[in-house]
Amino acid sequence: MGSGEIIVADAADNLSAAIGSTIFAGLASIWICAAVIGGLVSLFFLVIWIIALVDCARRKPEEFPGDGENAKTIWLVILIATFFVTQMNGIAAIVYYFMVMKKCPKIKNNVNMH
């Protein structure tokens, strides 16, 4: 009578430990996947921000849409300031892309080298 109860109790403890470790492993893998995806999204936003910043710095003031004299300065300030706000740099860069880069493609100088 006494040894049979111990075996059942050990089996129940082993089963609950196995279930607990499986749940923990599943949650840990979900957390790791979320962290990796978040890191990749952050890296994407950083690359887009750098592209927008370089384009803004190299673009001539007359190549910006609208009639504002300070459009280039305003966009540079927006892009640089949003770098210090978490994840806002990518959003500002995407807005810059659609409002400036896509509306007014950069004027390329055709230089023929003979």
PDB file of N, CA and C in Angstrom:
ATOM      1  N   MET A   1       0.816  -1.184   0.000  1.00  0.00           N
ATOM      2  CA  MET A   1       0.000   0.000   0.000  1.00  0.00           C
ATOM      3  C   MET A   1       0.860   1.249   0.000  1.00  0.00           C
ATOM      4  N   GLY A   2       1.920   1.286   0.733  1.00  0.00           N
ATOM      5  CA  GLY A   2       2.740   2.473   0.864  1.00  0.00           C
ATOM      6  C   GLY A   2       3.608   2.738  -0.359  1.00  0.00           C
ATOM      7  N   SER A   3       4.177   1.692  -0.986  1.00  0.00           N
ATOM      8  CA  SER A   3       5.086   1.918  -2.108  1.00  0.00           C
ATOM      9  C   SER A   3       4.341   2.288  -3.386  1.00  0.00           C
ATOM     10  N   GLY A   4       3.117   1.853  -3.564  1.00  0.00           N
ATOM     11  CA  GLY A   4       2.326   2.187  -4.747  1.00  0.00           C
ATOM     12  C   GLY A   4       1.970   3.663  -4.782  1.00  0.00           C
ATOM     13  N   GLU A   5       1.698   4.240  -3.638  1.00  0.00           N
ATOM     14  CA  GLU A   5       1.361   5.665  -3.580  1.00  0.00           C
ATOM     15  C   GLU A   5       2.569   6.539  -3.911  1.00  0.00           C
ATOM     16  N   ILE A   6       3.742   6.094  -3.521  1.00  0.00           N
ATOM     17  CA  ILE A   6       4.955   6.861  -3.797  1.00  0.00           C
ATOM     18  C   ILE A   6       5.234   6.896  -5.296  1.00  0.00           C
ATOM     19  N   ILE A   7       5.037   5.765  -5.979  1.00  0.00           N
ATOM     20  CA  ILE A   7       5.281   5.691  -7.414  1.00  0.00           C
ATOM     21  C   ILE A   7       4.317   6.606  -8.166  1.00  0.00           C
ATOM     22  N   VAL A   8       3.065   6.621  -7.773  1.00  0.00           N
ATOM     23  CA  VAL A   8       2.070   7.481  -8.416  1.00  0.00           C
ATOM     24  C   VAL A   8       2.411   8.952  -8.184  1.00  0.00           C
ATOM     25  N   ALA A   9       2.841   9.284  -6.964  1.00  0.00           N
ATOM     26  CA  ALA A   9       3.197  10.663  -6.652  1.00  0.00           C
ATOM     27  C   ALA A   9       4.420  11.094  -7.460  1.00  0.00           C
ATOM     28  N   ASP A  10       5.420  10.204  -7.612  1.00  0.00           N
ATOM     29  CA  ASP A  10       6.601  10.529  -8.411  1.00  0.00           C
ATOM     30  C   ASP A  10       6.239  10.730  -9.883  1.00  0.00           C
ATOM     31  N   ALA A  11       5.340   9.916 -10.408  1.00  0.00           N
ATOM     32  CA  ALA A  11       4.926  10.046 -11.803  1.00  0.00           C
ATOM     33  C   ALA A  11       4.179  11.362 -12.012  1.00  0.00           C
ATOM     34  N   ALA A  12       3.348  11.742 -11.068  1.00  0.00           N
ATOM     35  CA  ALA A  12       2.607  13.002 -11.172  1.00  0.00           C
ATOM     36  C   ALA A  12       3.562  14.187 -11.097  1.00  0.00           C
ATOM     37  N   ASP A  13       4.570  14.112 -10.224  1.00  0.00           N
ATOM     38  CA  ASP A  13       5.567  15.180 -10.129  1.00  0.00           C
ATOM     39  C   ASP A  13       6.372  15.287 -11.423  1.00  0.00           C
ATOM     40  N   ASN A  14       6.755  14.146 -11.994  1.00  0.00           N
ATOM     41  CA  ASN A  14       7.514  14.164 -13.243  1.00  0.00           C
ATOM     42  C   ASN A  14       6.680  14.742 -14.383  1.00  0.00           C
ATOM     43  N   LEU A  15       5.388  14.389 -14.426  1.00  0.00           N
ATOM     44  CA  LEU A  15       4.514  14.908 -15.471  1.00  0.00           C
ATOM     45  C   LEU A  15       4.334  16.416 -15.346  1.00  0.00           C
ATOM     46  N   SER A  16       4.118  16.894 -14.132  1.00  0.00           N
ATOM     47  CA  SER A  16       3.940  18.341 -13.961  1.00  0.00           C
ATOM     48  C   SER A  16       5.239  19.094 -14.254  1.00  0.00           C
ATOM     49  N   ALA A  17       6.367  18.518 -13.927  1.00  0.00           N
ATOM     50  CA  ALA A  17       7.648  19.144 -14.240  1.00  0.00           C
ATOM     51  C   ALA A  17       7.873  19.183 -15.746  1.00  0.00           C
ATOM     52  N   ALA A  18       7.501  18.122 -16.442  1.00  0.00           N
ATOM     53  CA  ALA A  18       7.660  18.082 -17.894  1.00  0.00           C
ATOM     54  C   ALA A  18       6.748  19.112 -18.562  1.00  0.00           C
ATOM     55  N   ILE A  19       5.518  19.209 -18.095  1.00  0.00           N
ATOM     56  CA  ILE A  19       4.583  20.187 -18.658  1.00  0.00           C
ATOM     57  C   ILE A  19       5.077  21.604 -18.387  1.00  0.00           C
ATOM     58  N   GLY A  20       5.531  21.849 -17.171  1.00  0.00           N
ATOM     59  CA  GLY A  20       6.043  23.175 -16.818  1.00  0.00           C
ATOM     60  C   GLY A  20       7.244  23.571 -17.642  1.00  0.00           C
ATOM     61  N   SER A  21       8.167  22.658 -17.851  1.00  0.00           N
ATOM     62  CA  SER A  21       9.358  22.986 -18.638  1.00  0.00           C
ATOM     63  C   SER A  21       9.010  23.172 -20.111  1.00  0.00           C
ATOM     64  N   THR A  22       8.022  22.432 -20.609  1.00  0.00           N
ATOM     65  CA  THR A  22       7.589  22.600 -21.995  1.00  0.00           C
ATOM     66  C   THR A  22       6.943  23.966 -22.199  1.00  0.00           C
ATOM     67  N   ILE A  23       6.104  24.366 -21.274  1.00  0.00           N
ATOM     68  CA  ILE A  23       5.467  25.681 -21.354  1.00  0.00           C
ATOM     69  C   ILE A  23       6.526  26.778 -21.284  1.00  0.00           C
ATOM     70  N   PHE A  24       7.473  26.633 -20.365  1.00  0.00           N
ATOM     71  CA  PHE A  24       8.538  27.627 -20.232  1.00  0.00           C
ATOM     72  C   PHE A  24       9.364  27.714 -21.513  1.00  0.00           C
ATOM     73  N   ALA A  25       9.701  26.580 -22.106  1.00  0.00           N
ATOM     74  CA  ALA A  25      10.493  26.579 -23.340  1.00  0.00           C
ATOM     75  C   ALA A  25       9.710  27.232 -24.476  1.00  0.00           C
ATOM     76  N   GLY A  26       8.422  26.960 -24.550  1.00  0.00           N
ATOM     77  CA  GLY A  26       7.597  27.585 -25.588  1.00  0.00           C
ATOM     78  C   GLY A  26       7.523  29.083 -25.427  1.00  0.00           C
ATOM     79  N   LEU A  27       7.307  29.558 -24.199  1.00  0.00           N
ATOM     80  CA  LEU A  27       7.247  30.996 -23.952  1.00  0.00           C
ATOM     81  C   LEU A  27       8.594  31.669 -24.196  1.00  0.00           C
ATOM     82  N   ALA A  28       9.665  30.997 -23.831  1.00  0.00           N
ATOM     83  CA  ALA A  28      10.999  31.552 -24.057  1.00  0.00           C
ATOM     84  C   ALA A  28      11.292  31.666 -25.548  1.00  0.00           C
ATOM     85  N   SER A  29      10.887  30.668 -26.324  1.00  0.00           N
ATOM     86  CA  SER A  29      11.135  30.737 -27.771  1.00  0.00           C
ATOM     87  C   SER A  29      10.290  31.829 -28.420  1.00  0.00           C
ATOM     88  N   ILE A  30       9.075  32.034 -27.953  1.00  0.00           N
ATOM     89  CA  ILE A  30       8.246  33.129 -28.471  1.00  0.00           C
ATOM     90  C   ILE A  30       8.894  34.463 -28.137  1.00  0.00           C
ATOM     91  N   TRP A  31       9.404  34.605 -26.925  1.00  0.00           N
ATOM     92  CA  TRP A  31      10.052  35.854 -26.515  1.00  0.00           C
ATOM     93  C   TRP A  31      11.302  36.110 -27.360  1.00  0.00           C
ATOM     94  N   ILE A  32      12.084  35.066 -27.611  1.00  0.00           N
ATOM     95  CA  ILE A  32      13.299  35.215 -28.419  1.00  0.00           C
ATOM     96  C   ILE A  32      12.936  35.615 -29.845  1.00  0.00           C
ATOM     97  N   CYS A  33      11.908  34.995 -30.415  1.00  0.00           N
ATOM     98  CA  CYS A  33      11.469  35.357 -31.772  1.00  0.00           C
ATOM     99  C   CYS A  33      11.001  36.809 -31.824  1.00  0.00           C
ATOM    100  N   ALA A  34      10.251  37.236 -30.810  1.00  0.00           N
ATOM    101  CA  ALA A  34       9.779  38.622 -30.768  1.00  0.00           C
ATOM    102  C   ALA A  34      10.958  39.585 -30.660  1.00  0.00           C
ATOM    103  N   ALA A  35      11.964  39.234 -29.877  1.00  0.00           N
ATOM    104  CA  ALA A  35      13.141  40.090 -29.728  1.00  0.00           C
ATOM    105  C   ALA A  35      13.917  40.181 -31.044  1.00  0.00           C
ATOM    106  N   VAL A  36      14.058  39.078 -31.747  1.00  0.00           N
ATOM    107  CA  VAL A  36      14.770  39.074 -33.026  1.00  0.00           C
ATOM    108  C   VAL A  36      14.002  39.892 -34.062  1.00  0.00           C
ATOM    109  N   ILE A  37      12.684  39.709 -34.129  1.00  0.00           N
ATOM    110  CA  ILE A  37      11.872  40.477 -35.080  1.00  0.00           C
ATOM    111  C   ILE A  37      11.933  41.966 -34.737  1.00  0.00           C
ATOM    112  N   GLY A  38      11.851  42.302 -33.458  1.00  0.00           N
ATOM    113  CA  GLY A  38      11.961  43.699 -33.044  1.00  0.00           C
ATOM    114  C   GLY A  38      13.310  44.296 -33.412  1.00  0.00           C
ATOM    115  N   GLY A  39      14.362  43.530 -33.251  1.00  0.00           N
ATOM    116  CA  GLY A  39      15.692  43.994 -33.634  1.00  0.00           C
ATOM    117  C   GLY A  39      15.817  44.218 -35.135  1.00  0.00           C
ATOM    118  N   LEU A  40      15.238  43.318 -35.924  1.00  0.00           N
ATOM    119  CA  LEU A  40      15.278  43.481 -37.375  1.00  0.00           C
ATOM    120  C   LEU A  40      14.468  44.694 -37.827  1.00  0.00           C
ATOM    121  N   VAL A  41      13.324  44.927 -37.198  1.00  0.00           N
ATOM    122  CA  VAL A  41      12.518  46.107 -37.528  1.00  0.00           C
ATOM    123  C   VAL A  41      13.287  47.376 -37.174  1.00  0.00           C
ATOM    124  N   SER A  42      13.937  47.380 -36.015  1.00  0.00           N
ATOM    125  CA  SER A  42      14.739  48.537 -35.612  1.00  0.00           C
ATOM    126  C   SER A  42      15.889  48.781 -36.587  1.00  0.00           C
ATOM    127  N   LEU A  43      16.533  47.729 -37.017  1.00  0.00           N
ATOM    128  CA  LEU A  43      17.623  47.856 -37.979  1.00  0.00           C
ATOM    129  C   LEU A  43      17.108  48.389 -39.318  1.00  0.00           C
ATOM    130  N   PHE A  44      15.951  47.914 -39.760  1.00  0.00           N
ATOM    131  CA  PHE A  44      15.341  48.414 -40.987  1.00  0.00           C
ATOM    132  C   PHE A  44      15.055  49.907 -40.875  1.00  0.00           C
ATOM    133  N   PHE A  45      14.448  50.338 -39.763  1.00  0.00           N
ATOM    134  CA  PHE A  45      14.149  51.752 -39.560  1.00  0.00           C
ATOM    135  C   PHE A  45      15.428  52.584 -39.529  1.00  0.00           C
ATOM    136  N   LEU A  46      16.487  52.063 -38.922  1.00  0.00           N
ATOM    137  CA  LEU A  46      17.747  52.796 -38.870  1.00  0.00           C
ATOM    138  C   LEU A  46      18.332  52.981 -40.273  1.00  0.00           C
ATOM    139  N   VAL A  47      18.290  51.935 -41.086  1.00  0.00           N
ATOM    140  CA  VAL A  47      18.814  52.025 -42.455  1.00  0.00           C
ATOM    141  C   VAL A  47      18.004  53.025 -43.273  1.00  0.00           C
ATOM    142  N   ILE A  48      16.676  52.965 -43.168  1.00  0.00           N
ATOM    143  CA  ILE A  48      15.818  53.905 -43.888  1.00  0.00           C
ATOM    144  C   ILE A  48      16.104  55.331 -43.422  1.00  0.00           C
ATOM    145  N   TRP A  49      16.310  55.512 -42.127  1.00  0.00           N
ATOM    146  CA  TRP A  49      16.599  56.843 -41.578  1.00  0.00           C
ATOM    147  C   TRP A  49      17.923  57.373 -42.118  1.00  0.00           C
ATOM    148  N   ILE A  50      18.935  56.529 -42.181  1.00  0.00           N
ATOM    149  CA  ILE A  50      20.242  56.955 -42.696  1.00  0.00           C
ATOM    150  C   ILE A  50      20.121  57.348 -44.175  1.00  0.00           C
ATOM    151  N   ILE A  51      19.392  56.563 -44.955  1.00  0.00           N
ATOM    152  CA  ILE A  51      19.194  56.889 -46.373  1.00  0.00           C
ATOM    153  C   ILE A  51      18.494  58.237 -46.517  1.00  0.00           C
ATOM    154  N   ALA A  52      17.450  58.458 -45.712  1.00  0.00           N
ATOM    155  CA  ALA A  52      16.711  59.726 -45.770  1.00  0.00           C
ATOM    156  C   ALA A  52      17.594  60.894 -45.346  1.00  0.00           C
ATOM    157  N   LEU A  53      18.379  60.706 -44.304  1.00  0.00           N
ATOM    158  CA  LEU A  53      19.256  61.771 -43.816  1.00  0.00           C
ATOM    159  C   LEU A  53      20.309  62.141 -44.859  1.00  0.00           C
ATOM    160  N   VAL A  54      20.912  61.153 -45.489  1.00  0.00           N
ATOM    161  CA  VAL A  54      21.917  61.414 -46.526  1.00  0.00           C
ATOM    162  C   VAL A  54      21.269  62.099 -47.721  1.00  0.00           C
ATOM    163  N   ASP A  55      20.084  61.643 -48.127  1.00  0.00           N
ATOM    164  CA  ASP A  55      19.391  62.281 -49.241  1.00  0.00           C
ATOM    165  C   ASP A  55      19.061  63.726 -48.914  1.00  0.00           C
ATOM    166  N   CYS A  56      18.580  63.970 -47.722  1.00  0.00           N
ATOM    167  CA  CYS A  56      18.217  65.334 -47.311  1.00  0.00           C
ATOM    168  C   CYS A  56      19.448  66.238 -47.282  1.00  0.00           C
ATOM    169  N   ALA A  57      20.552  65.732 -46.801  1.00  0.00           N
ATOM    170  CA  ALA A  57      21.766  66.542 -46.713  1.00  0.00           C
ATOM    171  C   ALA A  57      22.345  66.849 -48.097  1.00  0.00           C
ATOM    172  N   ARG A  58      22.210  65.919 -49.035  1.00  0.00           N
ATOM    173  CA  ARG A  58      22.791  66.110 -50.364  1.00  0.00           C
ATOM    174  C   ARG A  58      21.868  66.842 -51.326  1.00  0.00           C
ATOM    175  N   ARG A  59      20.592  66.858 -51.039  1.00  0.00           N
ATOM    176  CA  ARG A  59      19.603  67.482 -51.937  1.00  0.00           C
ATOM    177  C   ARG A  59      19.715  68.996 -51.857  1.00  0.00           C
ATOM    178  N   LYS A  60      19.600  69.644 -53.000  1.00  0.00           N
ATOM    179  CA  LYS A  60      19.649  71.105 -53.048  1.00  0.00           C
ATOM    180  C   LYS A  60      18.321  71.672 -52.538  1.00  0.00           C
ATOM    181  N   PRO A  61      18.339  72.851 -51.929  1.00  0.00           N
ATOM    182  CA  PRO A  61      17.095  73.423 -51.379  1.00  0.00           C
ATOM    183  C   PRO A  61      15.982  73.584 -52.415  1.00  0.00           C
ATOM    184  N   GLU A  62      16.314  73.854 -53.659  1.00  0.00           N
ATOM    185  CA  GLU A  62      15.275  74.024 -54.672  1.00  0.00           C
ATOM    186  C   GLU A  62      14.663  72.699 -55.130  1.00  0.00           C
ATOM    187  N   GLU A  63      15.235  71.581 -54.719  1.00  0.00           N
ATOM    188  CA  GLU A  63      14.712  70.266 -55.079  1.00  0.00           C
ATOM    189  C   GLU A  63      13.662  69.760 -54.101  1.00  0.00           C
ATOM    190  N   PHE A  64      13.333  70.543 -53.072  1.00  0.00           N
ATOM    191  CA  PHE A  64      12.307  70.147 -52.106  1.00  0.00           C
ATOM    192  C   PHE A  64      10.946  70.622 -52.593  1.00  0.00           C
ATOM    193  N   PRO A  65       9.881  69.849 -52.333  1.00  0.00           N
ATOM    194  CA  PRO A  65       8.556  70.292 -52.767  1.00  0.00           C
ATOM    195  C   PRO A  65       8.071  71.494 -51.958  1.00  0.00           C
ATOM    196  N   GLY A  66       7.208  72.278 -52.545  1.00  0.00           N
ATOM    197  CA  GLY A  66       6.669  73.436 -51.852  1.00  0.00           C
ATOM    198  C   GLY A  66       7.508  74.673 -52.089  1.00  0.00           C
ATOM    199  N   ASP A  67       7.003  75.760 -51.568  1.00  0.00           N
ATOM    200  CA  ASP A  67       7.665  77.045 -51.782  1.00  0.00           C
ATOM    201  C   ASP A  67       8.478  77.516 -50.584  1.00  0.00           C
ATOM    202  N   GLY A  68       8.567  76.700 -49.541  1.00  0.00           N
ATOM    203  CA  GLY A  68       9.279  77.128 -48.341  1.00  0.00           C
ATOM    204  C   GLY A  68      10.767  77.260 -48.573  1.00  0.00           C
ATOM    205  N   GLU A  69      11.328  78.341 -48.085  1.00  0.00           N
ATOM    206  CA  GLU A  69      12.768  78.558 -48.228  1.00  0.00           C
ATOM    207  C   GLU A  69      13.569  77.633 -47.310  1.00  0.00           C
ATOM    208  N   ASN A  70      12.978  77.285 -46.200  1.00  0.00           N
ATOM    209  CA  ASN A  70      13.700  76.514 -45.190  1.00  0.00           C
ATOM    210  C   ASN A  70      13.309  75.044 -45.162  1.00  0.00           C
ATOM    211  N   ALA A  71      12.800  74.506 -46.257  1.00  0.00           N
ATOM    212  CA  ALA A  71      12.338  73.117 -46.272  1.00  0.00           C
ATOM    213  C   ALA A  71      13.471  72.140 -45.945  1.00  0.00           C
ATOM    214  N   LYS A  72      14.632  72.389 -46.503  1.00  0.00           N
ATOM    215  CA  LYS A  72      15.769  71.499 -46.245  1.00  0.00           C
ATOM    216  C   LYS A  72      16.158  71.537 -44.776  1.00  0.00           C
ATOM    217  N   THR A  73      16.228  72.724 -44.212  1.00  0.00           N
ATOM    218  CA  THR A  73      16.600  72.865 -42.799  1.00  0.00           C
ATOM    219  C   THR A  73      15.569  72.198 -41.893  1.00  0.00           C
ATOM    220  N   ILE A  74      14.305  72.404 -42.218  1.00  0.00           N
ATOM    221  CA  ILE A  74      13.242  71.809 -41.394  1.00  0.00           C
ATOM    222  C   ILE A  74      13.325  70.290 -41.440  1.00  0.00           C
ATOM    223  N   TRP A  75      13.509  69.725 -42.633  1.00  0.00           N
ATOM    224  CA  TRP A  75      13.599  68.271 -42.735  1.00  0.00           C
ATOM    225  C   TRP A  75      14.842  67.731 -42.030  1.00  0.00           C
ATOM    226  N   LEU A  76      15.954  68.441 -42.134  1.00  0.00           N
ATOM    227  CA  LEU A  76      17.151  67.997 -41.412  1.00  0.00           C
ATOM    228  C   LEU A  76      16.917  68.002 -39.901  1.00  0.00           C
ATOM    229  N   VAL A  77      16.289  69.054 -39.406  1.00  0.00           N
ATOM    230  CA  VAL A  77      15.997  69.129 -37.967  1.00  0.00           C
ATOM    231  C   VAL A  77      15.057  68.000 -37.557  1.00  0.00           C
ATOM    232  N   ILE A  78      14.022  67.753 -38.353  1.00  0.00           N
ATOM    233  CA  ILE A  78      13.075  66.681 -38.035  1.00  0.00           C
ATOM    234  C   ILE A  78      13.782  65.332 -38.011  1.00  0.00           C
ATOM    235  N   LEU A  79      14.578  65.057 -39.031  1.00  0.00           N
ATOM    236  CA  LEU A  79      15.250  63.759 -39.107  1.00  0.00           C
ATOM    237  C   LEU A  79      16.264  63.579 -37.984  1.00  0.00           C
ATOM    238  N   ILE A  80      17.019  64.613 -37.683  1.00  0.00           N
ATOM    239  CA  ILE A  80      18.021  64.492 -36.609  1.00  0.00           C
ATOM    240  C   ILE A  80      17.349  64.408 -35.240  1.00  0.00           C
ATOM    241  N   ALA A  81      16.301  65.214 -35.024  1.00  0.00           N
ATOM    242  CA  ALA A  81      15.621  65.207 -33.722  1.00  0.00           C
ATOM    243  C   ALA A  81      14.927  63.877 -33.466  1.00  0.00           C
ATOM    244  N   THR A  82      14.354  63.271 -34.498  1.00  0.00           N
ATOM    245  CA  THR A  82      13.645  62.008 -34.285  1.00  0.00           C
ATOM    246  C   THR A  82      14.593  60.843 -34.037  1.00  0.00           C
ATOM    247  N   PHE A  83      15.866  61.030 -34.299  1.00  0.00           N
ATOM    248  CA  PHE A  83      16.827  59.967 -33.981  1.00  0.00           C
ATOM    249  C   PHE A  83      16.855  59.687 -32.489  1.00  0.00           C
ATOM    250  N   PHE A  84      16.606  60.714 -31.690  1.00  0.00           N
ATOM    251  CA  PHE A  84      16.688  60.573 -30.241  1.00  0.00           C
ATOM    252  C   PHE A  84      15.381  60.101 -29.617  1.00  0.00           C
ATOM    253  N   VAL A  85      14.343  59.926 -30.413  1.00  0.00           N
ATOM    254  CA  VAL A  85      13.065  59.407 -29.924  1.00  0.00           C
ATOM    255  C   VAL A  85      12.944  57.969 -30.416  1.00  0.00           C
ATOM    256  N   THR A  86      12.675  57.051 -29.520  1.00  0.00           N
ATOM    257  CA  THR A  86      12.665  55.636 -29.862  1.00  0.00           C
ATOM    258  C   THR A  86      11.700  55.333 -30.997  1.00  0.00           C
ATOM    259  N   GLN A  87      12.191  54.680 -32.016  1.00  0.00           N
ATOM    260  CA  GLN A  87      11.470  54.212 -33.187  1.00  0.00           C
ATOM    261  C   GLN A  87      10.843  55.323 -34.025  1.00  0.00           C
ATOM    262  N   MET A  88      10.946  56.554 -33.625  1.00  0.00           N
ATOM    263  CA  MET A  88      10.362  57.633 -34.411  1.00  0.00           C
ATOM    264  C   MET A  88      11.246  57.992 -35.602  1.00  0.00           C
ATOM    265  N   ASN A  89      12.510  57.605 -35.559  1.00  0.00           N
ATOM    266  CA  ASN A  89      13.394  57.921 -36.678  1.00  0.00           C
ATOM    267  C   ASN A  89      12.939  57.223 -37.954  1.00  0.00           C
ATOM    268  N   GLY A  90      12.502  56.002 -37.858  1.00  0.00           N
ATOM    269  CA  GLY A  90      12.025  55.277 -39.026  1.00  0.00           C
ATOM    270  C   GLY A  90      10.736  55.850 -39.568  1.00  0.00           C
ATOM    271  N   ILE A  91       9.855  56.264 -38.674  1.00  0.00           N
ATOM    272  CA  ILE A  91       8.583  56.840 -39.103  1.00  0.00           C
ATOM    273  C   ILE A  91       8.837  58.164 -39.818  1.00  0.00           C
ATOM    274  N   ALA A  92       9.708  59.001 -39.274  1.00  0.00           N
ATOM    275  CA  ALA A  92      10.040  60.275 -39.914  1.00  0.00           C
ATOM    276  C   ALA A  92      10.698  60.033 -41.270  1.00  0.00           C
ATOM    277  N   ALA A  93      11.539  59.023 -41.372  1.00  0.00           N
ATOM    278  CA  ALA A  93      12.204  58.722 -42.635  1.00  0.00           C
ATOM    279  C   ALA A  93      11.208  58.237 -43.686  1.00  0.00           C
ATOM    280  N   ILE A  94      10.226  57.447 -43.268  1.00  0.00           N
ATOM    281  CA  ILE A  94       9.207  56.979 -44.207  1.00  0.00           C
ATOM    282  C   ILE A  94       8.346  58.153 -44.679  1.00  0.00           C
ATOM    283  N   VAL A  95       7.991  59.051 -43.760  1.00  0.00           N
ATOM    284  CA  VAL A  95       7.237  60.247 -44.139  1.00  0.00           C
ATOM    285  C   VAL A  95       8.071  61.089 -45.097  1.00  0.00           C
ATOM    286  N   TYR A  96       9.362  61.257 -44.816  1.00  0.00           N
ATOM    287  CA  TYR A  96      10.257  62.006 -45.709  1.00  0.00           C
ATOM    288  C   TYR A  96      10.284  61.367 -47.093  1.00  0.00           C
ATOM    289  N   TYR A  97      10.345  60.051 -47.131  1.00  0.00           N
ATOM    290  CA  TYR A  97      10.390  59.357 -48.425  1.00  0.00           C
ATOM    291  C   TYR A  97       9.161  59.696 -49.263  1.00  0.00           C
ATOM    292  N   PHE A  98       7.974  59.602 -48.668  1.00  0.00           N
ATOM    293  CA  PHE A  98       6.756  59.838 -49.441  1.00  0.00           C
ATOM    294  C   PHE A  98       6.515  61.318 -49.723  1.00  0.00           C
ATOM    295  N   MET A  99       6.968  62.203 -48.852  1.00  0.00           N
ATOM    296  CA  MET A  99       6.703  63.631 -49.052  1.00  0.00           C
ATOM    297  C   MET A  99       7.769  64.332 -49.886  1.00  0.00           C
ATOM    298  N   VAL A 100       8.994  63.817 -49.886  1.00  0.00           N
ATOM    299  CA  VAL A 100      10.074  64.500 -50.603  1.00  0.00           C
ATOM    300  C   VAL A 100      10.666  63.614 -51.696  1.00  0.00           C
ATOM    301  N   MET A 101      11.184  62.472 -51.332  1.00  0.00           N
ATOM    302  CA  MET A 101      11.911  61.649 -52.293  1.00  0.00           C
ATOM    303  C   MET A 101      11.019  61.152 -53.431  1.00  0.00           C
ATOM    304  N   LYS A 102       9.802  60.762 -53.108  1.00  0.00           N
ATOM    305  CA  LYS A 102       8.916  60.226 -54.135  1.00  0.00           C
ATOM    306  C   LYS A 102       8.264  61.339 -54.962  1.00  0.00           C
ATOM    307  N   LYS A 103       7.895  62.451 -54.318  1.00  0.00           N
ATOM    308  CA  LYS A 103       7.260  63.563 -55.033  1.00  0.00           C
ATOM    309  C   LYS A 103       8.239  64.272 -55.955  1.00  0.00           C
ATOM    310  N   CYS A 104       9.426  64.520 -55.481  1.00  0.00           N
ATOM    311  CA  CYS A 104      10.434  65.273 -56.239  1.00  0.00           C
ATOM    312  C   CYS A 104      11.712  64.448 -56.343  1.00  0.00           C
ATOM    313  N   PRO A 105      11.792  63.573 -57.333  1.00  0.00           N
ATOM    314  CA  PRO A 105      13.032  62.799 -57.473  1.00  0.00           C
ATOM    315  C   PRO A 105      14.223  63.732 -57.657  1.00  0.00           C
ATOM    316  N   LYS A 106      15.342  63.296 -57.167  1.00  0.00           N
ATOM    317  CA  LYS A 106      16.553  64.105 -57.222  1.00  0.00           C
ATOM    318  C   LYS A 106      16.969  64.336 -58.672  1.00  0.00           C
ATOM    319  N   ILE A 107      17.368  65.546 -58.972  1.00  0.00           N
ATOM    320  CA  ILE A 107      17.825  65.892 -60.308  1.00  0.00           C
ATOM    321  C   ILE A 107      19.244  65.352 -60.474  1.00  0.00           C
ATOM    322  N   LYS A 108      19.395  64.515 -61.477  1.00  0.00           N
ATOM    323  CA  LYS A 108      20.721  63.933 -61.706  1.00  0.00           C
ATOM    324  C   LYS A 108      21.388  64.678 -62.848  1.00  0.00           C
ATOM    325  N   ASN A 109      22.634  64.991 -62.639  1.00  0.00           N
ATOM    326  CA  ASN A 109      23.419  65.662 -63.686  1.00  0.00           C
ATOM    327  C   ASN A 109      23.973  64.590 -64.614  1.00  0.00           C
ATOM    328  N   ASN A 110      23.653  64.703 -65.889  1.00  0.00           N
ATOM    329  CA  ASN A 110      24.178  63.766 -66.888  1.00  0.00           C
ATOM    330  C   ASN A 110      25.533  64.254 -67.355  1.00  0.00           C
ATOM    331  N   VAL A 111      26.545  63.587 -66.920  1.00  0.00           N
ATOM    332  CA  VAL A 111      27.893  63.948 -67.306  1.00  0.00           C
ATOM    333  C   VAL A 111      28.450  62.793 -68.127  1.00  0.00           C
ATOM    334  N   ASN A 112      28.754  63.093 -69.384  1.00  0.00           N
ATOM    335  CA  ASN A 112      29.338  62.086 -70.254  1.00  0.00           C
ATOM    336  C   ASN A 112      30.859  62.196 -70.166  1.00  0.00           C
ATOM    337  N   MET A 113      31.466  61.098 -69.826  1.00  0.00           N
ATOM    338  CA  MET A 113      32.923  61.081 -69.736  1.00  0.00           C
ATOM    339  C   MET A 113      33.449  60.364 -70.969  1.00  0.00           C
ATOM    340  N   HIS A 114      34.158  61.103 -71.815  1.00  0.00           N
ATOM    341  CA  HIS A 114      34.728  60.510 -73.032  1.00  0.00           C
ATOM    342  C   HIS A 114      36.197  60.379 -72.886  1.00  0.00           C
TER     343      HIS A 114
END
